[in-house]
Protein backbone atom coordinates (compact mmCIF):
# COMPACT_ATOMS: atom_id res chain seq x y z
CA UNK A 1 27.37 -53.55 37.44
CA UNK A 2 27.11 -51.95 34.28
CA UNK A 3 30.42 -53.50 33.87
CA UNK A 4 28.70 -56.79 33.44
CA UNK A 5 30.80 -58.26 35.96
CA UNK A 6 29.14 -61.11 38.52
CA UNK A 7 30.62 -60.25 41.96
CA UNK A 8 28.40 -62.77 43.76
CA UNK A 9 26.54 -66.06 42.95
CA UNK A 10 25.15 -68.52 45.19
CA UNK A 11 24.90 -71.03 42.60
CA UNK A 12 28.43 -70.91 42.07
CA UNK A 13 29.79 -69.47 45.68
CA UNK A 14 27.39 -71.27 48.02
CA UNK A 15 27.36 -68.71 51.27
CA UNK A 16 25.09 -70.49 53.55
CA UNK A 17 24.69 -67.73 55.86
CA UNK A 18 23.28 -65.23 53.17
CA UNK A 19 21.30 -67.73 50.84
CA UNK A 20 17.67 -67.16 51.40
CA UNK A 21 15.84 -70.03 52.55
CA UNK A 22 12.69 -71.56 50.48
CA UNK A 23 9.26 -69.84 51.12
CA UNK A 24 5.67 -70.95 50.07
CA UNK A 25 3.35 -69.08 48.02
CA UNK A 26 3.49 -65.30 48.75
CA UNK A 27 6.60 -65.85 51.10
CA UNK A 28 9.22 -63.47 51.72
CA UNK A 29 13.08 -64.27 52.56
CA UNK A 30 15.55 -61.42 53.50
CA UNK A 31 19.13 -62.15 53.41
CA UNK A 32 22.35 -59.85 53.83
CA UNK A 33 25.71 -60.47 52.37
CA UNK A 34 29.26 -58.61 51.85
CA UNK A 35 30.23 -58.11 48.15
CA UNK A 36 33.61 -57.59 46.91
CA UNK A 37 33.96 -55.46 43.85
CA UNK A 38 36.57 -56.57 41.51
CA UNK A 39 39.49 -54.13 40.69
CA UNK A 40 38.47 -54.44 37.08
CA UNK A 41 35.16 -52.51 37.57
CA UNK A 42 35.61 -48.70 36.42
CA UNK A 43 34.52 -45.99 38.47
CA UNK A 44 31.56 -44.02 37.84
CA UNK A 45 27.69 -44.16 38.07
CA UNK A 46 26.74 -48.04 37.88
CA UNK A 47 23.82 -50.46 38.65
CA UNK A 48 23.95 -53.46 40.98
CA UNK A 49 21.65 -56.05 39.95
CA UNK A 50 20.26 -58.84 42.02
CA UNK A 51 18.49 -62.11 40.25
CA UNK A 52 16.64 -64.91 41.43
CA UNK A 53 16.92 -68.25 39.89
CA UNK A 54 20.07 -67.28 37.72
CA UNK A 55 20.25 -70.68 36.26
CA UNK A 56 16.57 -70.81 35.65
CA UNK A 57 15.97 -74.03 37.67
CA UNK A 58 12.45 -72.94 38.87
CA UNK A 59 9.50 -73.01 36.29
CA UNK A 60 7.42 -69.75 37.13
CA UNK A 61 4.17 -68.20 36.07
CA UNK A 62 6.06 -64.76 35.64
CA UNK A 63 9.79 -64.88 34.69
CA UNK A 64 10.02 -61.05 34.24
CA UNK A 65 10.47 -60.01 37.62
CA UNK A 66 13.30 -61.92 39.07
CA UNK A 67 15.76 -58.90 38.75
CA UNK A 68 15.81 -55.72 40.42
CA UNK A 69 18.52 -52.71 40.22
CA UNK A 70 19.97 -50.45 42.31
CA UNK A 71 21.92 -47.24 41.27
CA UNK A 72 25.41 -47.03 43.18
CA UNK A 73 28.32 -45.05 42.68
CA UNK A 74 31.90 -46.48 42.28
CA UNK A 75 34.55 -44.22 43.04
CA UNK A 76 37.81 -43.39 44.89
CA UNK A 77 35.88 -41.63 47.42
CA UNK A 78 38.25 -38.76 47.17
CA UNK A 79 37.03 -35.08 47.73
CA UNK A 80 39.94 -32.74 46.64
CA UNK A 81 39.45 -29.01 47.53
CA UNK A 82 41.60 -25.89 47.11
CA UNK A 83 41.42 -24.19 50.56
CA UNK A 84 43.56 -21.13 49.89
CA UNK A 85 45.02 -19.21 47.14
CA UNK A 86 47.04 -16.18 46.79
CA UNK A 87 49.13 -14.27 43.92
CA UNK A 88 51.25 -11.16 43.62
CA UNK A 89 49.34 -7.81 43.71
CA UNK A 90 50.58 -7.05 40.15
CA UNK A 91 52.24 -9.28 37.25
CA UNK A 92 53.75 -8.32 33.95
CA UNK A 93 52.73 -9.94 30.91
CA UNK A 94 55.59 -12.39 29.50
CA UNK A 95 56.98 -12.96 32.75
CA UNK A 96 56.69 -15.35 35.64
CA UNK A 97 54.88 -15.03 38.92
CA UNK A 98 54.43 -17.23 41.81
CA UNK A 99 51.35 -18.74 43.05
CA UNK A 100 50.71 -20.31 46.73
CA UNK A 101 47.62 -22.62 47.36
CA UNK A 102 46.65 -25.12 49.85
CA UNK A 103 45.22 -28.17 48.41
CA UNK A 104 43.02 -30.57 50.78
CA UNK A 105 41.91 -34.39 50.38
CA UNK A 106 38.49 -34.12 52.30
CA UNK A 107 37.54 -37.84 51.03
CA UNK A 108 38.18 -41.04 53.00
CA UNK A 109 40.89 -42.54 50.87
CA UNK A 110 44.27 -41.41 49.54
CA UNK A 111 44.53 -40.08 46.05
CA UNK A 112 47.13 -40.66 43.16
CA UNK A 113 48.70 -38.10 40.90
CA UNK A 114 47.00 -34.91 40.09
CA UNK A 115 47.38 -31.36 38.86
CA UNK A 116 46.49 -28.22 40.22
CA UNK A 117 46.05 -25.52 37.53
CA UNK A 118 46.13 -21.79 37.83
CA UNK A 119 43.73 -19.61 35.61
CA UNK A 120 43.74 -15.86 35.24
CA UNK A 121 40.04 -14.29 34.19
CA UNK A 122 39.05 -10.82 33.84
CA UNK A 123 37.16 -9.58 36.96
CA UNK A 124 33.63 -9.07 35.01
CA UNK A 125 31.64 -11.18 34.97
CA UNK A 126 32.51 -12.51 38.03
CA UNK A 127 34.64 -15.64 37.40
CA UNK A 128 34.21 -19.06 38.91
CA UNK A 129 37.47 -21.61 39.26
CA UNK A 130 38.77 -22.65 35.88
CA UNK A 131 37.36 -19.76 34.16
CA UNK A 132 39.79 -17.71 31.98
CA UNK A 133 43.48 -18.47 31.00
CA UNK A 134 45.31 -21.50 32.11
CA UNK A 135 48.67 -20.00 32.95
CA UNK A 136 50.44 -23.07 34.44
CA UNK A 137 50.26 -26.16 36.78
CA UNK A 138 51.89 -28.07 39.45
CA UNK A 139 51.62 -31.78 39.68
CA UNK A 140 50.71 -33.36 43.32
CA UNK A 141 52.35 -37.25 43.35
CA UNK A 142 49.88 -38.03 46.23
CA UNK A 143 47.43 -36.40 48.94
CA UNK A 144 46.25 -38.81 51.82
CA UNK A 145 42.51 -38.94 53.17
CA UNK A 146 41.66 -35.67 55.22
CA UNK A 147 45.38 -34.44 54.59
CA UNK A 148 46.37 -30.77 53.31
CA UNK A 149 49.40 -29.75 51.53
CA UNK A 150 50.48 -26.14 51.36
CA UNK A 151 52.85 -25.30 48.34
CA UNK A 152 53.79 -22.92 45.91
CA UNK A 153 54.29 -22.92 41.89
CA UNK A 154 55.71 -20.41 39.29
CA UNK A 155 53.39 -19.74 36.28
CA UNK A 156 54.03 -17.78 33.39
CA UNK A 157 51.62 -14.99 32.56
CA UNK A 158 50.96 -15.13 28.83
CA UNK A 159 52.77 -12.21 26.76
CA UNK A 160 49.53 -11.67 24.83
CA UNK A 161 47.53 -11.16 27.98
CA UNK A 162 45.72 -7.67 27.83
CA UNK A 163 46.82 -5.37 30.34
CA UNK A 164 44.15 -4.74 33.31
CA UNK A 165 42.89 -6.54 36.55
CA UNK A 166 42.41 -10.22 36.63
CA UNK A 167 41.00 -12.70 39.23
CA UNK A 168 43.32 -15.72 39.97
CA UNK A 169 41.79 -19.18 40.38
CA UNK A 170 43.28 -22.46 41.18
CA UNK A 171 41.08 -25.76 40.76
CA UNK A 172 42.38 -29.13 41.76
CA UNK A 173 42.20 -31.77 39.12
CA UNK A 174 40.81 -29.63 36.50
CA UNK A 175 41.28 -32.43 33.97
CA UNK A 176 39.31 -34.54 35.92
CA UNK A 177 41.51 -37.79 36.53
CA UNK A 178 40.45 -38.41 40.13
CA UNK A 179 37.30 -39.80 40.65
CA UNK A 180 35.30 -38.01 43.36
CA UNK A 181 32.25 -38.34 45.61
CA UNK A 182 29.00 -37.58 43.60
CA UNK A 183 28.41 -33.52 43.25
CA UNK A 184 31.86 -32.88 44.66
CA UNK A 185 33.83 -33.03 41.46
CA UNK A 186 34.65 -30.30 38.70
CA UNK A 187 36.66 -26.91 38.76
CA UNK A 188 33.88 -24.77 40.46
CA UNK A 189 33.84 -27.19 43.43
CA UNK A 190 37.28 -28.23 43.43
CA UNK A 191 38.80 -24.60 43.29
CA UNK A 192 39.16 -21.42 44.61
CA UNK A 193 39.23 -17.73 43.49
CA UNK A 194 41.72 -15.67 45.09
CA UNK A 195 40.48 -12.93 47.42
CA UNK A 196 42.96 -10.14 45.84
CA UNK A 197 42.85 -9.54 42.35
CA UNK A 198 46.12 -9.27 40.23
CA UNK A 199 47.03 -6.18 38.17
CA UNK A 200 48.53 -7.32 34.91
CA UNK A 201 50.86 -4.85 33.28
CA UNK A 202 51.99 -4.97 29.66
CA UNK A 203 55.02 -6.61 28.68
CA UNK A 204 58.52 -4.84 28.53
């Protein structure tokens, strides 16, 4: 691992069923073993290394080819999504509005605490989730694997927001606290833009 943690070593933890048998010149030995990744290993993109002759007990003509690496991703295997979002037809700058949304964890493991944030952005150019002004958030304590949560939150429309037509978007985990499956992380893929726009009126 890039965290430089040894997770299996036949020299220190013999596993007869997984230990390669000795071969003569040109011989090849294949083995399969199950590894337990320690909880101390951080999430993210890593490399797992396999090294032959870890203790340098064998004299070799070429010592530089004893290690091979493979890239892997260490994550919580979560996949947060917003499957529905809606707001009022009109809102007034300086006042509250209610936003409804449905958050879903399409991953294979439950997730811990994360925020769902509401944004208002001008409709041109066409916004993506997370564009514009953050107007409020709701904290979700946990979400089980393959579970959905339909809920609402009250957010404050800034009093300095110019009157006009705005798009409402709601991404899950915009602050990126939950590691997710590769390619499925970030506001653009974790969020949704409401179908209907919101007309923001000037403050009273």
